[in-house]
Amino acid sequence: MTQPLLTVHDLRVAFETETGPARAVDGVSFTLHAGETLALVGESGCGKTLTALSILQLLPDGGHLAPTSRITLRTQELTELGSTALRAIRGREVAMIFQEPMAALNPVLR
């Protein structure tokens, strides 16, 4: 089997609150190989969007990944990259189509 394109291991996202950390994503793991399709499906508020934003390292203010979380794109560990290196990857290597497809997708463009 070929090397995975994307590996997410033990993804944990929390937000600091007045009463302590609120876990928004708790232990998500998956592997995606080239040519495969992955669908994140679940109820509203279950962490689908935060999982995708975590891959891109675009968490909202106050959100942070647990130190045990690992996100690997090919052989590059995204959780260890600085903002400049991440900007070079976003849109070129990995991207996200946001939830409102009519605003994000133009059927006229390829």
C-alpha atoms as a PDB file:
ATOM      1  CA  MET A   1       0.000   0.000   0.000  1.00  0.00           C
ATOM      2  CA  THR A   2       1.162   3.527  -0.703  1.00  0.00           C
ATOM      3  CA  GLN A   3       2.022   6.143   1.869  1.00  0.00           C
ATOM      4  CA  PRO A   4      -1.045   7.950   3.287  1.00  0.00           C
ATOM      5  CA  LEU A   5      -1.860  11.363   1.899  1.00  0.00           C
ATOM      6  CA  LEU A   6      -3.320  12.561   5.204  1.00  0.00           C
ATOM      7  CA  THR A   7      -3.193  11.026   8.660  1.00  0.00           C
ATOM      8  CA  VAL A   8      -5.050  12.489  11.623  1.00  0.00           C
ATOM      9  CA  HIS A   9      -4.258  10.797  14.924  1.00  0.00           C
ATOM     10  CA  ASP A  10      -5.899  11.451  18.282  1.00  0.00           C
ATOM     11  CA  LEU A  11      -7.209  14.874  17.285  1.00  0.00           C
ATOM     12  CA  ARG A  12      -8.394  16.736  20.359  1.00  0.00           C
ATOM     13  CA  VAL A  13      -9.597  20.339  20.259  1.00  0.00           C
ATOM     14  CA  ALA A  14     -10.577  22.302  23.345  1.00  0.00           C
ATOM     15  CA  PHE A  15     -11.686  25.839  24.132  1.00  0.00           C
ATOM     16  CA  GLU A  16     -10.897  27.568  27.391  1.00  0.00           C
ATOM     17  CA  THR A  17     -13.961  28.650  29.337  1.00  0.00           C
ATOM     18  CA  GLU A  18     -14.512  30.197  32.754  1.00  0.00           C
ATOM     19  CA  THR A  19     -15.155  26.743  34.181  1.00  0.00           C
ATOM     20  CA  GLY A  20     -12.201  25.064  32.459  1.00  0.00           C
ATOM     21  CA  PRO A  21     -11.547  23.512  29.051  1.00  0.00           C
ATOM     22  CA  ALA A  22     -14.531  22.504  26.909  1.00  0.00           C
ATOM     23  CA  ARG A  23     -13.700  19.562  24.644  1.00  0.00           C
ATOM     24  CA  ALA A  24     -15.091  20.142  21.164  1.00  0.00           C
ATOM     25  CA  VAL A  25     -13.307  17.273  19.359  1.00  0.00           C
ATOM     26  CA  ASP A  26     -12.147  14.309  21.396  1.00  0.00           C
ATOM     27  CA  GLY A  27      -9.935  11.600  19.897  1.00  0.00           C
ATOM     28  CA  VAL A  28     -10.680  11.671  16.153  1.00  0.00           C
ATOM     29  CA  SER A  29      -8.351   9.523  14.019  1.00  0.00           C
ATOM     30  CA  PHE A  30      -8.398   8.617  10.329  1.00  0.00           C
ATOM     31  CA  THR A  31      -6.087   7.904   7.394  1.00  0.00           C
ATOM     32  CA  LEU A  32      -6.737   9.018   3.842  1.00  0.00           C
ATOM     33  CA  HIS A  33      -4.837   7.710   0.810  1.00  0.00           C
ATOM     34  CA  ALA A  34      -4.603   9.366  -2.618  1.00  0.00           C
ATOM     35  CA  GLY A  35      -7.760   8.728  -4.638  1.00  0.00           C
ATOM     36  CA  GLU A  36      -9.900   8.040  -1.574  1.00  0.00           C
ATOM     37  CA  THR A  37     -12.843  10.129  -0.429  1.00  0.00           C
ATOM     38  CA  LEU A  38     -13.699  10.748   3.192  1.00  0.00           C
ATOM     39  CA  ALA A  39     -16.995  12.166   4.412  1.00  0.00           C
ATOM     40  CA  LEU A  40     -17.387  13.602   7.892  1.00  0.00           C
ATOM     41  CA  VAL A  41     -21.017  13.075   8.814  1.00  0.00           C
ATOM     42  CA  GLY A  42     -22.827  13.890  12.028  1.00  0.00           C
ATOM     43  CA  GLU A  43     -25.266  16.073  13.849  1.00  0.00           C
ATOM     44  CA  SER A  44     -24.926  19.817  14.024  1.00  0.00           C
ATOM     45  CA  GLY A  45     -22.280  20.764  16.571  1.00  0.00           C
ATOM     46  CA  CYS A  46     -20.542  17.371  16.644  1.00  0.00           C
ATOM     47  CA  GLY A  47     -17.143  18.716  15.499  1.00  0.00           C
ATOM     48  CA  LYS A  48     -17.063  18.182  11.731  1.00  0.00           C
ATOM     49  CA  THR A  49     -16.053  21.755  10.924  1.00  0.00           C
ATOM     50  CA  LEU A  50     -13.562  21.967  13.803  1.00  0.00           C
ATOM     51  CA  THR A  51     -11.941  18.758  12.576  1.00  0.00           C
ATOM     52  CA  ALA A  52     -11.460  20.261   9.112  1.00  0.00           C
ATOM     53  CA  LEU A  53     -10.301  23.617  10.509  1.00  0.00           C
ATOM     54  CA  SER A  54      -7.787  21.762  12.678  1.00  0.00           C
ATOM     55  CA  ILE A  55      -6.227  20.135   9.628  1.00  0.00           C
ATOM     56  CA  LEU A  56      -5.721  23.598   8.138  1.00  0.00           C
ATOM     57  CA  GLN A  57      -4.589  24.973  11.518  1.00  0.00           C
ATOM     58  CA  LEU A  58      -7.344  27.612  11.348  1.00  0.00           C
ATOM     59  CA  LEU A  59      -9.010  27.142  14.724  1.00  0.00           C
ATOM     60  CA  PRO A  60     -11.104  30.039  16.059  1.00  0.00           C
ATOM     61  CA  ASP A  61      -9.731  32.198  18.862  1.00  0.00           C
ATOM     62  CA  GLY A  62      -9.483  30.303  22.104  1.00  0.00           C
ATOM     63  CA  GLY A  63      -9.301  26.908  20.409  1.00  0.00           C
ATOM     64  CA  HIS A  64      -6.206  24.773  20.751  1.00  0.00           C
ATOM     65  CA  LEU A  65      -5.012  21.304  19.840  1.00  0.00           C
ATOM     66  CA  ALA A  66      -3.892  18.882  22.521  1.00  0.00           C
ATOM     67  CA  PRO A  67      -0.146  18.177  22.450  1.00  0.00           C
ATOM     68  CA  THR A  68      -0.895  14.536  21.569  1.00  0.00           C
ATOM     69  CA  SER A  69      -2.772  15.479  18.376  1.00  0.00           C
ATOM     70  CA  ARG A  70      -0.959  14.647  15.142  1.00  0.00           C
ATOM     71  CA  ILE A  71      -1.886  15.810  11.632  1.00  0.00           C
ATOM     72  CA  THR A  72       0.450  14.540   8.921  1.00  0.00           C
ATOM     73  CA  LEU A  73       0.209  15.593   5.271  1.00  0.00           C
ATOM     74  CA  ARG A  74       2.294  13.073   3.319  1.00  0.00           C
ATOM     75  CA  THR A  75       5.408  13.161   5.534  1.00  0.00           C
ATOM     76  CA  GLN A  76       5.047  16.670   6.948  1.00  0.00           C
ATOM     77  CA  GLU A  77       3.720  17.099  10.495  1.00  0.00           C
ATOM     78  CA  LEU A  78       1.375  20.103  10.228  1.00  0.00           C
ATOM     79  CA  THR A  79       1.105  20.628  13.979  1.00  0.00           C
ATOM     80  CA  GLU A  80       4.815  21.524  14.075  1.00  0.00           C
ATOM     81  CA  LEU A  81       4.776  24.123  11.271  1.00  0.00           C
ATOM     82  CA  GLY A  82       4.843  27.872  11.750  1.00  0.00           C
ATOM     83  CA  SER A  83       2.364  30.269  10.169  1.00  0.00           C
ATOM     84  CA  THR A  84       4.550  31.048   7.129  1.00  0.00           C
ATOM     85  CA  ALA A  85       4.991  27.380   6.229  1.00  0.00           C
ATOM     86  CA  LEU A  86       1.272  26.724   6.770  1.00  0.00           C
ATOM     87  CA  ARG A  87       0.310  29.603   4.444  1.00  0.00           C
ATOM     88  CA  ALA A  88       2.404  27.999   1.688  1.00  0.00           C
ATOM     89  CA  ILE A  89       0.468  24.724   2.102  1.00  0.00           C
ATOM     90  CA  ARG A  90      -3.081  26.091   2.420  1.00  0.00           C
ATOM     91  CA  GLY A  91      -4.900  26.228  -0.895  1.00  0.00           C
ATOM     92  CA  ARG A  92      -2.018  24.585  -2.719  1.00  0.00           C
ATOM     93  CA  GLU A  93      -1.713  21.265  -0.868  1.00  0.00           C
ATOM     94  CA  VAL A  94      -4.878  21.190   1.239  1.00  0.00           C
ATOM     95  CA  ALA A  95      -8.085  23.235   1.171  1.00  0.00           C
ATOM     96  CA  MET A  96     -11.606  23.254   2.537  1.00  0.00           C
ATOM     97  CA  ILE A  97     -14.972  23.829   0.894  1.00  0.00           C
ATOM     98  CA  PHE A  98     -17.074  25.504   3.554  1.00  0.00           C
ATOM     99  CA  GLN A  99     -20.570  24.427   4.541  1.00  0.00           C
ATOM    100  CA  GLU A 100     -22.603  26.662   2.241  1.00  0.00           C
ATOM    101  CA  PRO A 101     -21.903  25.036  -1.165  1.00  0.00           C
ATOM    102  CA  MET A 102     -23.928  27.573  -3.168  1.00  0.00           C
ATOM    103  CA  ALA A 103     -21.632  30.339  -1.915  1.00  0.00           C
ATOM    104  CA  ALA A 104     -18.416  28.291  -2.144  1.00  0.00           C
ATOM    105  CA  LEU A 105     -18.817  26.417  -5.437  1.00  0.00           C
ATOM    106  CA  ASN A 106     -19.276  28.000  -8.850  1.00  0.00           C
ATOM    107  CA  PRO A 107     -20.562  25.388 -11.356  1.00  0.00           C
ATOM    108  CA  VAL A 108     -19.219  27.481 -14.264  1.00  0.00           C
ATOM    109  CA  LEU A 109     -15.597  27.111 -13.107  1.00  0.00           C
ATOM    110  CA  ARG A 110     -13.624  23.903 -13.448  1.00  0.00           C
END
